[in-house]
Amino acid sequence: MRENLSRADPALSDEAGDERLYLMGNELRLMGEWDQAEVTLKEALQLAPDHFKALSSLAFLYRERGRTRDAETLLSEWMHKRPRDPQELTQVAGFLETIQAYVPALACLDEIIRQDPEVGRTWFIRGRLLLALGRIDAAIESFEHALEHERDLDHAYLELAHIRTFESSDPMIAFFKRAAQTPDLSESAAACIRFALGKICDDLGQSDEAVEWIEEANTLRRNTISSARTDCGQLLRARLETPRRIWQAASPAPTETPEPIFILGLPRSGTALLERLLIHHPAIVSAGELPTLPGLIQSTHLVQRWRTFEESHMPVPEEDLEALRETYREALQGASGALSGSVRYVIDSNPLNFFEVGIVRRLFPTAPIFALERDPRDVLISLYFHDFTHPDLAFSYSTDEIVSFIEAHQRIMLYWTTLPVPGMRTVRYETLVTEPAVMIRSLLGFLDLDPDRLPTPKDLSVRVIASASDWQGRQPVYGRSIGRWKHYAASLLARHPELSRIGFTA
């Protein structure tokens, strides 16, 4: 293969040896020739140990193959050989953070700060890593340093607000209120400060003041982020108008280990919490909130193509189904590193997969699906008080948009229950919060796993979850979030009468 590449592109032979080997190795990696790519990239690094592109390509190769420990070792050794360029160290730190190698990532940030301590964003990323390591006090200090150097670091304000529960005597409250009056802040930073103040007032039980701040925050966000409501309606109609028989598997699909578990539901309905509890079992790992399935469905126009086959009275080609399964499984393995023979399940916790239960049913007929259900009024409060800054969740900045999204979720989930979907089980958020051990024991039985490692009270305390709900995932499991909507019903209904559609009453 290497000779073929070299002959196919004579220009490669004109490059220096290390650059030529890097180009060949990177091309082999992109082609999926992983073993040969690894050999070639290592040869490039033998010739030039500081060839950063070759180093990066090899690290990506390791991650793609689920060898995150090898990627961590490779980059850690590179980092400690000699002083490094801050730009390269920043890229390496970001990569290490994605594979949850927080200690070496922190070492990268510390070296950058040693070379230049005046960059606020470096302090912010360092604080995020310290938070991931559970070093709360050091993280707070790092976020404060970040804002000293750069007042427009929007999410540093949010991190500081969500890192702890506030009491009325906390001196940081005055800091946030002063920050809200700072002139010439970016619109994003101003919004984040107001989300932070809304959270602080929520901690203090000052519901009317909390609503005032949150209303301002969401107004600012709506000015800069477009709504996804139209897409939501299109997805709903496309699924409801598709003939039901398309979602039925013509023949049993092969079951491979590890098998995917889909955790889905409305955002802020407890998907991150359930993921956090299940991964304490040694047979379960997580790939996080994978965008792969929705991305495949959109990029391949899958639903439209399947409907064309149906209208032509032809079955969906089995090779089409198998190609989709294979692509998805590769993404699942790459994100989780699930190579151990003891792993039986890999979690995909993308909550928005609730639109795709029919496709999951067709591709993976036996895959477990845990559908989270939570009081929609509490979901709305949690969404409206949270700053996601993600296009898929842009609806969360408008109560009318949230209500429409909740109604779409209710309609599509009712539809899926009529298929039926044998592997789908409803999980009530309220039960999960109040009786987590009972719920997890039941779900492990459903998965045919021995409950040999139920979460302990310590397991239910602070832990970082790699998702849009990561702040929620750091919090202890407790019932304060149940019925939270009641504190805000009167104030919000006066502004947004559409909330009565999902049961809000003053």
Protein backbone atom coordinates (compact mmCIF):
# COMPACT_ATOMS: atom_id res chain seq x y z
CA MET A 1 0.00 0.00 0.00
CA ARG A 2 2.81 2.43 0.84
CA GLU A 3 4.50 1.86 -2.52
CA ASN A 4 1.18 2.37 -4.32
CA LEU A 5 0.60 5.71 -2.61
CA SER A 6 4.10 6.91 -3.37
CA ARG A 7 3.80 5.99 -7.06
CA ALA A 8 0.31 7.41 -7.34
CA ASP A 9 1.53 10.83 -6.24
CA PRO A 10 5.09 11.52 -7.43
CA ALA A 11 5.04 14.83 -5.56
CA LEU A 12 5.30 12.91 -2.34
CA SER A 13 8.77 11.68 -3.20
CA ASP A 14 9.94 15.29 -3.43
CA GLU A 15 9.12 15.98 0.18
CA ALA A 16 11.59 15.54 3.01
CA GLY A 17 11.54 12.01 4.38
CA ASP A 18 9.63 12.75 7.56
CA GLU A 19 7.04 14.92 5.76
CA ARG A 20 6.57 12.30 3.04
CA LEU A 21 6.04 9.58 5.63
CA TYR A 22 3.59 11.79 7.53
CA LEU A 23 1.55 12.47 4.38
CA MET A 24 1.50 8.77 3.52
CA GLY A 25 0.63 7.72 7.05
CA ASN A 26 -2.13 10.28 7.39
CA GLU A 27 -3.62 9.23 4.06
CA LEU A 28 -3.53 5.59 5.13
CA ARG A 29 -5.31 6.53 8.36
CA LEU A 30 -8.05 8.35 6.49
CA MET A 31 -8.45 5.31 4.23
CA GLY A 32 -8.88 3.02 7.23
CA GLU A 33 -5.55 1.22 6.70
CA TRP A 34 -4.82 1.62 10.40
CA ASP A 35 -2.04 -0.94 10.93
CA GLN A 36 0.05 0.35 8.04
CA ALA A 37 -0.75 3.95 8.97
CA GLU A 38 0.57 3.37 12.49
CA VAL A 39 3.83 1.90 11.19
CA THR A 40 4.32 4.75 8.73
CA LEU A 41 3.55 7.54 11.21
CA LYS A 42 5.95 6.00 13.73
CA GLU A 43 8.66 5.97 11.06
CA ALA A 44 8.01 9.68 10.45
CA LEU A 45 8.41 10.38 14.16
CA GLN A 46 11.60 8.37 14.32
CA LEU A 47 13.06 10.66 11.67
CA ALA A 48 11.63 13.82 13.25
CA PRO A 49 10.37 13.37 16.86
CA ASP A 50 9.05 16.95 16.83
CA HIS A 51 6.90 16.51 13.70
CA PHE A 52 3.70 17.79 15.28
CA LYS A 53 1.34 16.82 12.45
CA ALA A 54 2.62 13.24 12.48
CA LEU A 55 2.27 13.14 16.24
CA SER A 56 -1.30 14.47 16.03
CA SER A 57 -2.27 12.02 13.29
CA LEU A 58 -0.95 9.09 15.32
CA ALA A 59 -2.85 10.29 18.41
CA PHE A 60 -6.06 10.55 16.38
CA LEU A 61 -5.45 7.06 14.99
CA TYR A 62 -5.15 5.68 18.53
CA ARG A 63 -8.36 7.42 19.56
CA GLU A 64 -10.21 6.17 16.49
CA ARG A 65 -9.18 2.61 17.39
CA GLY A 66 -10.23 3.00 21.00
CA ARG A 67 -6.61 3.02 22.23
CA THR A 68 -6.94 6.13 24.37
CA ARG A 69 -4.26 4.98 26.82
CA ASP A 70 -1.73 4.76 23.95
CA ALA A 71 -2.72 8.26 22.82
CA GLU A 72 -2.24 9.59 26.34
CA THR A 73 1.20 7.95 26.67
CA LEU A 74 2.32 9.24 23.27
CA LEU A 75 1.38 12.84 24.02
CA SER A 76 2.63 12.80 27.60
CA GLU A 77 6.08 11.61 26.49
CA TRP A 78 6.19 14.28 23.76
CA MET A 79 5.21 17.01 26.21
CA HIS A 80 7.92 16.22 28.78
CA LYS A 81 10.89 16.01 26.41
CA ARG A 82 11.53 19.75 26.13
CA PRO A 83 9.72 23.12 26.40
CA ARG A 84 6.91 23.25 23.91
CA ASP A 85 5.16 25.88 21.83
CA PRO A 86 2.04 27.21 23.63
CA GLN A 87 -0.13 26.80 20.54
CA GLU A 88 0.84 23.14 20.21
CA LEU A 89 0.37 22.59 23.95
CA THR A 90 -3.13 24.08 23.72
CA GLN A 91 -4.07 21.67 20.92
CA VAL A 92 -2.66 18.71 22.85
CA ALA A 93 -4.49 19.76 26.02
CA GLY A 94 -7.76 19.94 24.11
CA PHE A 95 -7.21 16.47 22.64
CA LEU A 96 -6.30 15.00 26.04
CA GLU A 97 -9.43 16.53 27.53
CA THR A 98 -11.59 14.80 24.91
CA ILE A 99 -10.21 11.41 25.97
CA GLN A 100 -10.59 12.34 29.66
CA ALA A 101 -6.83 12.30 30.27
CA TYR A 102 -7.17 15.25 32.62
CA VAL A 103 -3.85 15.02 34.49
CA PRO A 104 -1.55 15.34 31.45
CA ALA A 105 -3.93 17.91 29.94
CA LEU A 106 -3.54 19.96 33.12
CA ALA A 107 0.24 19.66 32.84
CA CYS A 108 0.00 21.18 29.35
CA LEU A 109 -1.99 24.13 30.67
CA ASP A 110 0.39 24.66 33.58
CA GLU A 111 3.31 24.85 31.15
CA ILE A 112 1.45 27.37 28.97
CA ILE A 113 0.73 29.52 32.04
CA ARG A 114 4.36 29.26 33.13
CA GLN A 115 5.35 30.75 29.76
CA ASP A 116 2.58 33.37 29.67
CA PRO A 117 0.33 33.81 32.74
CA GLU A 118 -1.70 36.70 31.27
CA VAL A 119 -4.04 34.76 28.95
CA GLY A 120 -7.48 34.42 30.52
CA ARG A 121 -8.69 31.58 28.30
CA THR A 122 -5.79 29.39 29.41
CA TRP A 123 -6.83 29.87 33.03
CA PHE A 124 -10.42 29.06 32.09
CA ILE A 125 -9.50 25.75 30.41
CA ARG A 126 -7.26 24.95 33.38
CA GLY A 127 -10.19 25.53 35.74
CA ARG A 128 -12.37 23.20 33.70
CA LEU A 129 -9.74 20.47 33.97
CA LEU A 130 -9.37 20.98 37.72
CA LEU A 131 -13.12 20.67 38.02
CA ALA A 132 -13.00 17.39 36.12
CA LEU A 133 -10.44 16.17 38.66
CA GLY A 134 -12.67 17.16 41.56
CA ARG A 135 -10.33 19.93 42.76
CA ILE A 136 -13.12 22.40 43.37
CA ASP A 137 -11.27 25.13 45.32
CA ALA A 138 -8.39 25.20 42.81
CA ALA A 139 -10.91 25.34 39.95
CA ILE A 140 -12.66 28.34 41.50
CA GLU A 141 -9.33 30.12 41.86
CA SER A 142 -8.47 29.38 38.24
CA PHE A 143 -11.80 30.71 36.95
CA GLU A 144 -11.31 33.86 39.00
CA HIS A 145 -7.84 34.32 37.47
CA ALA A 146 -9.42 33.85 34.02
CA LEU A 147 -11.87 36.68 34.60
CA GLU A 148 -9.18 38.94 36.04
CA HIS A 149 -7.35 38.72 32.73
CA GLU A 150 -10.34 38.60 30.37
CA ARG A 151 -13.72 39.94 31.50
CA ASP A 152 -15.51 38.65 28.38
CA LEU A 153 -14.91 34.95 29.12
CA ASP A 154 -18.59 34.13 29.11
CA HIS A 155 -18.63 30.54 30.38
CA ALA A 156 -16.19 31.26 33.20
CA TYR A 157 -19.09 33.10 34.88
CA LEU A 158 -21.33 30.06 34.44
CA GLU A 159 -18.71 27.69 35.79
CA LEU A 160 -18.27 29.84 38.89
CA ALA A 161 -22.01 29.96 39.48
CA HIS A 162 -22.64 26.25 38.94
CA ILE A 163 -19.65 25.03 40.88
CA ARG A 164 -21.41 25.30 44.25
CA THR A 165 -24.65 26.16 46.02
CA PHE A 166 -24.75 29.79 47.14
CA GLU A 167 -25.75 31.20 50.52
CA SER A 168 -26.75 34.82 51.13
CA SER A 169 -23.41 35.66 52.79
CA ASP A 170 -21.32 34.55 49.79
CA PRO A 171 -19.12 37.49 48.66
CA MET A 172 -19.24 36.21 45.07
CA ILE A 173 -22.84 37.41 44.76
CA ALA A 174 -21.69 41.03 44.81
CA PHE A 175 -19.04 40.14 42.23
CA PHE A 176 -21.68 38.83 39.82
CA LYS A 177 -23.96 41.83 40.34
CA ARG A 178 -21.07 44.19 39.63
CA ALA A 179 -20.22 42.16 36.55
CA ALA A 180 -23.79 42.61 35.27
CA GLN A 181 -23.20 46.37 35.28
CA THR A 182 -19.88 46.18 33.41
CA PRO A 183 -20.02 48.32 30.24
CA ASP A 184 -18.97 47.08 26.81
CA LEU A 185 -19.32 43.37 27.61
CA SER A 186 -20.08 41.08 24.71
CA GLU A 187 -23.71 40.02 24.40
CA SER A 188 -22.68 36.45 25.16
CA ALA A 189 -20.87 37.39 28.37
CA ALA A 190 -23.80 39.55 29.47
CA ALA A 191 -26.16 36.63 28.91
CA CYS A 192 -23.93 34.22 30.85
CA ILE A 193 -23.71 36.61 33.81
CA ARG A 194 -27.51 36.80 33.92
CA PHE A 195 -27.89 33.02 33.70
CA ALA A 196 -25.41 32.83 36.58
CA LEU A 197 -27.39 35.34 38.65
CA GLY A 198 -30.59 33.45 37.92
CA LYS A 199 -28.99 30.29 39.27
CA ILE A 200 -27.71 32.12 42.36
CA CYS A 201 -31.17 33.55 43.11
CA ASP A 202 -32.61 30.06 42.62
CA ASP A 203 -30.17 28.77 45.26
CA LEU A 204 -31.32 31.53 47.62
CA GLY A 205 -35.02 30.86 47.04
CA GLN A 206 -35.53 34.29 45.44
CA SER A 207 -37.81 33.08 42.67
CA ASP A 208 -39.12 36.43 41.37
CA GLU A 209 -35.61 37.91 41.13
CA ALA A 210 -34.37 34.69 39.51
CA VAL A 211 -37.03 34.98 36.80
CA GLU A 212 -36.04 38.59 36.11
CA TRP A 213 -32.42 37.61 35.47
CA ILE A 214 -33.35 34.53 33.43
CA GLU A 215 -35.76 36.50 31.25
CA GLU A 216 -32.98 38.99 30.45
CA ALA A 217 -30.52 36.17 29.74
CA ASN A 218 -32.84 34.36 27.34
CA THR A 219 -33.72 37.58 25.54
CA LEU A 220 -30.03 38.22 24.91
CA ARG A 221 -29.50 34.66 23.67
CA ARG A 222 -32.48 34.79 21.29
CA ASN A 223 -30.84 37.76 19.59
CA THR A 224 -27.83 35.68 18.56
CA ILE A 225 -28.97 32.04 18.25
CA SER A 226 -31.60 30.90 15.77
CA SER A 227 -34.42 28.62 16.86
CA ALA A 228 -34.63 24.95 15.88
CA ARG A 229 -38.43 24.75 16.13
CA THR A 230 -38.96 24.30 12.38
CA ASP A 231 -36.56 21.35 12.32
CA CYS A 232 -38.42 19.82 15.26
CA GLY A 233 -41.71 20.03 13.37
CA GLN A 234 -40.18 18.59 10.22
CA LEU A 235 -38.68 15.65 12.11
CA LEU A 236 -41.99 14.93 13.79
CA ARG A 237 -43.98 15.02 10.57
CA ALA A 238 -41.44 12.90 8.69
CA ARG A 239 -41.61 10.16 11.35
CA LEU A 240 -45.39 10.23 11.78
CA GLU A 241 -46.04 10.18 8.02
CA THR A 242 -43.68 7.26 7.33
CA PRO A 243 -45.47 3.89 6.89
CA ARG A 244 -45.14 1.96 10.14
CA ARG A 245 -43.92 -1.21 8.43
CA ILE A 246 -40.66 0.55 7.49
CA TRP A 247 -39.63 0.43 11.15
CA GLN A 248 -40.20 -3.33 11.36
CA ALA A 249 -37.15 -5.51 10.76
CA ALA A 250 -37.73 -7.99 7.94
CA SER A 251 -35.33 -10.46 9.56
CA PRO A 252 -33.45 -10.47 12.89
CA ALA A 253 -30.32 -8.36 12.75
CA PRO A 254 -27.14 -9.96 14.08
CA THR A 255 -26.44 -9.18 17.73
CA GLU A 256 -22.85 -8.18 18.37
CA THR A 257 -21.07 -7.54 21.63
CA PRO A 258 -20.80 -4.90 22.91
CA GLU A 259 -24.38 -3.91 22.17
CA PRO A 260 -25.57 -0.30 22.21
CA ILE A 261 -27.85 1.04 24.93
CA PHE A 262 -29.80 4.12 23.91
CA ILE A 263 -30.67 6.58 26.70
CA LEU A 264 -33.02 9.19 25.32
CA GLY A 265 -35.67 11.71 26.27
CA LEU A 266 -36.15 15.43 26.59
CA PRO A 267 -32.96 17.32 27.45
CA ARG A 268 -32.79 17.80 31.26
CA SER A 269 -35.01 14.78 31.85
CA GLY A 270 -32.27 12.76 33.59
CA THR A 271 -30.39 11.14 30.69
CA ALA A 272 -26.98 12.22 32.07
CA LEU A 273 -27.94 11.03 35.55
CA LEU A 274 -28.97 7.58 34.34
CA GLU A 275 -25.76 7.30 32.31
CA ARG A 276 -23.75 8.26 35.37
CA LEU A 277 -25.35 5.54 37.48
CA LEU A 278 -25.21 2.73 34.92
CA ILE A 279 -21.51 3.06 34.10
CA HIS A 280 -20.60 1.97 37.63
CA HIS A 281 -21.31 -1.57 36.43
CA PRO A 282 -18.12 -3.10 34.92
CA ALA A 283 -20.02 -4.47 31.91
CA ILE A 284 -21.23 -1.02 30.83
CA VAL A 285 -19.23 1.87 29.38
CA SER A 286 -20.37 5.09 27.74
CA ALA A 287 -19.67 6.80 24.42
CA GLY A 288 -21.39 9.96 25.67
CA GLU A 289 -23.87 11.95 23.61
CA LEU A 290 -23.00 10.66 20.15
CA PRO A 291 -24.15 12.84 17.25
CA THR A 292 -23.53 9.90 14.89
CA LEU A 293 -27.02 8.47 14.42
CA PRO A 294 -28.83 11.76 13.71
CA GLY A 295 -25.91 12.79 11.51
CA LEU A 296 -26.08 9.59 9.46
CA ILE A 297 -29.83 9.87 9.07
CA GLN A 298 -29.57 13.45 7.85
CA SER A 299 -26.54 13.05 5.59
CA THR A 300 -27.86 9.91 3.86
CA HIS A 301 -31.47 11.17 3.58
CA LEU A 302 -32.28 7.84 5.14
CA VAL A 303 -35.99 8.26 5.86
CA GLN A 304 -36.72 9.61 2.38
CA ARG A 305 -34.75 6.77 0.75
CA TRP A 306 -36.52 4.12 2.80
CA ARG A 307 -39.89 5.58 1.87
CA THR A 308 -38.88 5.42 -1.80
CA PHE A 309 -38.18 1.70 -1.44
CA GLU A 310 -41.54 1.23 0.28
CA GLU A 311 -43.41 3.10 -2.44
CA SER A 312 -41.69 0.88 -5.03
CA HIS A 313 -42.73 -2.24 -3.07
CA MET A 314 -39.08 -3.14 -2.57
CA PRO A 315 -37.33 -4.04 0.70
CA VAL A 316 -34.58 -1.81 2.02
CA PRO A 317 -31.35 -3.49 0.80
CA GLU A 318 -29.66 -5.46 3.56
CA GLU A 319 -26.27 -4.06 2.54
CA ASP A 320 -27.66 -0.57 3.16
CA LEU A 321 -28.68 -1.55 6.68
CA GLU A 322 -25.38 -3.29 7.36
CA ALA A 323 -23.34 -0.30 6.19
CA LEU A 324 -25.27 1.95 8.59
CA ARG A 325 -24.77 -0.49 11.47
CA GLU A 326 -21.06 -0.75 10.78
CA THR A 327 -20.54 3.01 10.59
CA TYR A 328 -22.45 3.52 13.82
CA ARG A 329 -20.59 0.73 15.63
CA GLU A 330 -17.23 2.19 14.62
CA ALA A 331 -18.26 5.56 16.09
CA LEU A 332 -19.55 3.87 19.24
CA GLN A 333 -16.28 1.99 19.73
CA GLY A 334 -14.11 4.99 18.88
CA ALA A 335 -15.88 7.21 21.42
CA SER A 336 -15.92 4.63 24.21
CA GLY A 337 -12.74 2.60 23.62
CA ALA A 338 -14.88 -0.50 24.30
CA LEU A 339 -12.41 -3.23 23.39
CA SER A 340 -12.46 -5.23 26.63
CA GLY A 341 -14.14 -8.61 26.40
CA SER A 342 -15.94 -7.92 29.68
CA VAL A 343 -17.88 -4.98 28.20
CA ARG A 344 -21.36 -6.02 27.10
CA TYR A 345 -23.00 -2.64 26.55
CA VAL A 346 -21.98 0.81 25.31
CA ILE A 347 -24.26 3.75 26.11
CA ASP A 348 -25.25 6.37 23.55
CA SER A 349 -26.84 9.06 25.71
CA ASN A 350 -27.81 11.55 23.00
CA PRO A 351 -31.25 12.55 24.31
CA LEU A 352 -32.48 13.69 20.90
CA ASN A 353 -32.38 10.12 19.61
CA PHE A 354 -36.01 9.98 20.76
CA PHE A 355 -36.90 11.08 17.23
CA GLU A 356 -35.09 8.01 15.87
CA VAL A 357 -36.56 5.13 17.90
CA GLY A 358 -38.04 3.65 14.70
CA ILE A 359 -34.65 3.61 13.00
CA VAL A 360 -33.00 2.17 16.11
CA ARG A 361 -35.72 -0.50 16.11
CA ARG A 362 -34.87 -1.37 12.50
CA LEU A 363 -31.09 -1.32 12.81
CA PHE A 364 -30.76 -2.84 16.31
CA PRO A 365 -33.99 -4.72 17.08
CA THR A 366 -32.73 -6.09 20.42
CA ALA A 367 -30.91 -2.97 21.65
CA PRO A 368 -32.14 -1.73 25.04
CA ILE A 369 -33.73 1.72 24.93
CA PHE A 370 -34.24 3.62 28.18
CA ALA A 371 -36.74 6.44 27.63
CA LEU A 372 -36.61 9.08 30.36
CA GLU A 373 -39.85 10.72 31.44
CA ARG A 374 -40.00 13.75 33.73
CA ASP A 375 -42.72 16.20 34.71
CA PRO A 376 -42.70 18.50 31.65
CA ARG A 377 -43.11 21.57 33.87
CA ASP A 378 -39.86 20.78 35.68
CA VAL A 379 -38.21 20.09 32.32
CA LEU A 380 -39.24 23.53 31.08
CA ILE A 381 -37.84 25.29 34.14
CA SER A 382 -34.56 23.38 33.88
CA LEU A 383 -34.23 24.17 30.17
CA TYR A 384 -35.15 27.84 30.48
CA PHE A 385 -32.69 28.37 33.34
CA HIS A 386 -29.80 26.72 31.49
CA ASP A 387 -27.47 28.14 28.84
CA PHE A 388 -26.67 25.46 26.27
CA THR A 389 -25.25 27.53 23.35
CA HIS A 390 -25.83 24.53 21.08
CA PRO A 391 -27.81 24.80 17.80
CA ASP A 392 -29.83 21.66 18.54
CA LEU A 393 -31.01 23.21 21.82
CA ALA A 394 -31.65 26.74 20.58
CA PHE A 395 -35.35 26.26 21.34
CA SER A 396 -34.52 26.44 25.07
CA TYR A 397 -34.30 30.26 24.97
CA SER A 398 -38.06 30.65 24.38
CA THR A 399 -40.84 29.26 26.58
CA ASP A 400 -43.10 28.94 23.52
CA GLU A 401 -40.42 26.95 21.70
CA ILE A 402 -39.85 24.71 24.73
CA VAL A 403 -43.58 23.99 25.03
CA SER A 404 -43.73 23.07 21.33
CA PHE A 405 -40.70 20.80 21.70
CA ILE A 406 -42.21 19.07 24.75
CA GLU A 407 -45.46 18.51 22.83
CA ALA A 408 -43.51 17.04 19.89
CA HIS A 409 -41.70 14.68 22.27
CA GLN A 410 -45.00 13.55 23.81
CA ARG A 411 -46.51 12.85 20.38
CA ILE A 412 -43.57 10.91 18.97
CA MET A 413 -43.06 8.81 22.10
CA LEU A 414 -46.75 7.88 22.13
CA TYR A 415 -46.37 6.86 18.50
CA TRP A 416 -43.33 4.66 19.18
CA THR A 417 -45.17 2.77 21.92
CA THR A 418 -47.62 1.53 19.29
CA LEU A 419 -44.95 -0.19 17.14
CA PRO A 420 -44.12 -1.88 19.61
CA VAL A 421 -40.44 -1.63 20.60
CA PRO A 422 -39.61 -4.71 22.73
CA GLY A 423 -36.34 -3.32 24.11
CA MET A 424 -37.76 0.03 25.22
CA ARG A 425 -38.40 0.74 28.86
CA THR A 426 -39.69 3.96 30.42
CA VAL A 427 -37.62 5.38 33.30
CA ARG A 428 -39.27 7.95 35.54
CA TYR A 429 -36.91 10.74 36.56
CA GLU A 430 -38.66 11.19 39.88
CA THR A 431 -38.11 7.52 40.81
CA LEU A 432 -34.51 7.63 39.60
CA VAL A 433 -33.78 10.59 41.89
CA THR A 434 -35.59 9.33 44.99
CA GLU A 435 -34.75 5.61 44.70
CA PRO A 436 -31.65 5.33 42.49
CA ALA A 437 -30.42 1.98 43.84
CA VAL A 438 -33.84 0.36 43.37
CA MET A 439 -34.12 1.71 39.83
CA ILE A 440 -30.61 0.67 38.79
CA ARG A 441 -31.08 -2.81 40.23
CA SER A 442 -34.23 -3.16 38.14
CA LEU A 443 -32.52 -1.92 34.97
CA LEU A 444 -29.54 -4.23 35.45
CA GLY A 445 -31.97 -7.12 35.71
CA PHE A 446 -33.58 -5.94 32.47
CA LEU A 447 -30.10 -6.03 30.89
CA ASP A 448 -29.48 -9.52 32.28
CA LEU A 449 -26.55 -8.25 34.35
CA ASP A 450 -25.86 -9.20 37.93
CA PRO A 451 -26.23 -6.17 40.21
CA ASP A 452 -22.71 -6.78 41.53
CA ARG A 453 -21.84 -3.10 41.69
CA LEU A 454 -24.74 -0.89 42.60
CA PRO A 455 -23.88 2.80 43.03
CA THR A 456 -22.92 3.74 46.58
CA PRO A 457 -23.75 7.08 48.23
CA LYS A 458 -20.23 8.22 47.32
CA ASP A 459 -20.86 7.32 43.69
CA LEU A 460 -23.90 9.56 43.72
CA SER A 461 -21.83 12.65 44.61
CA VAL A 462 -19.84 14.91 42.32
CA ARG A 463 -18.81 13.46 38.95
CA VAL A 464 -18.20 15.04 35.57
CA ILE A 465 -20.38 13.93 32.67
CA ALA A 466 -19.30 14.71 29.11
CA SER A 467 -22.59 16.13 27.90
CA ALA A 468 -24.59 19.30 27.57
CA SER A 469 -25.94 18.53 31.05
CA ASP A 470 -22.50 18.27 32.65
CA TRP A 471 -23.25 20.85 35.35
CA GLN A 472 -26.28 18.83 36.38
CA GLY A 473 -24.15 15.67 36.25
CA ARG A 474 -21.73 17.08 38.84
CA GLN A 475 -24.43 17.53 41.42
CA PRO A 476 -25.39 14.98 44.10
CA VAL A 477 -28.59 13.05 43.46
CA TYR A 478 -31.33 14.77 45.40
CA GLY A 479 -35.03 15.56 45.10
CA ARG A 480 -34.90 19.37 45.18
CA SER A 481 -35.50 19.44 41.43
CA ILE A 482 -38.85 17.64 41.78
CA GLY A 483 -41.74 20.09 41.71
CA ARG A 484 -39.38 23.03 41.20
CA TRP A 485 -41.79 24.55 38.67
CA LYS A 486 -44.20 25.51 41.47
CA HIS A 487 -41.81 28.20 42.73
CA TYR A 488 -41.94 29.93 39.34
CA ALA A 489 -45.46 29.23 38.10
CA ALA A 490 -47.11 32.53 39.00
CA SER A 491 -44.24 34.73 37.82
CA LEU A 492 -43.73 32.88 34.52
CA LEU A 493 -47.45 32.45 33.71
CA ALA A 494 -47.94 36.18 33.97
CA ARG A 495 -45.35 36.59 31.21
CA HIS A 496 -46.00 33.41 29.21
CA PRO A 497 -49.61 32.19 29.23
CA GLU A 498 -48.72 29.41 26.76
CA LEU A 499 -47.26 27.49 29.71
CA SER A 500 -50.78 26.44 30.66
CA ARG A 501 -50.63 24.02 27.68
CA ILE A 502 -48.31 21.74 29.68
CA GLY A 503 -50.08 22.09 33.01
CA PHE A 504 -48.73 25.26 34.60
CA THR A 505 -51.15 26.76 37.10
CA ALA A 506 -50.63 29.82 39.28
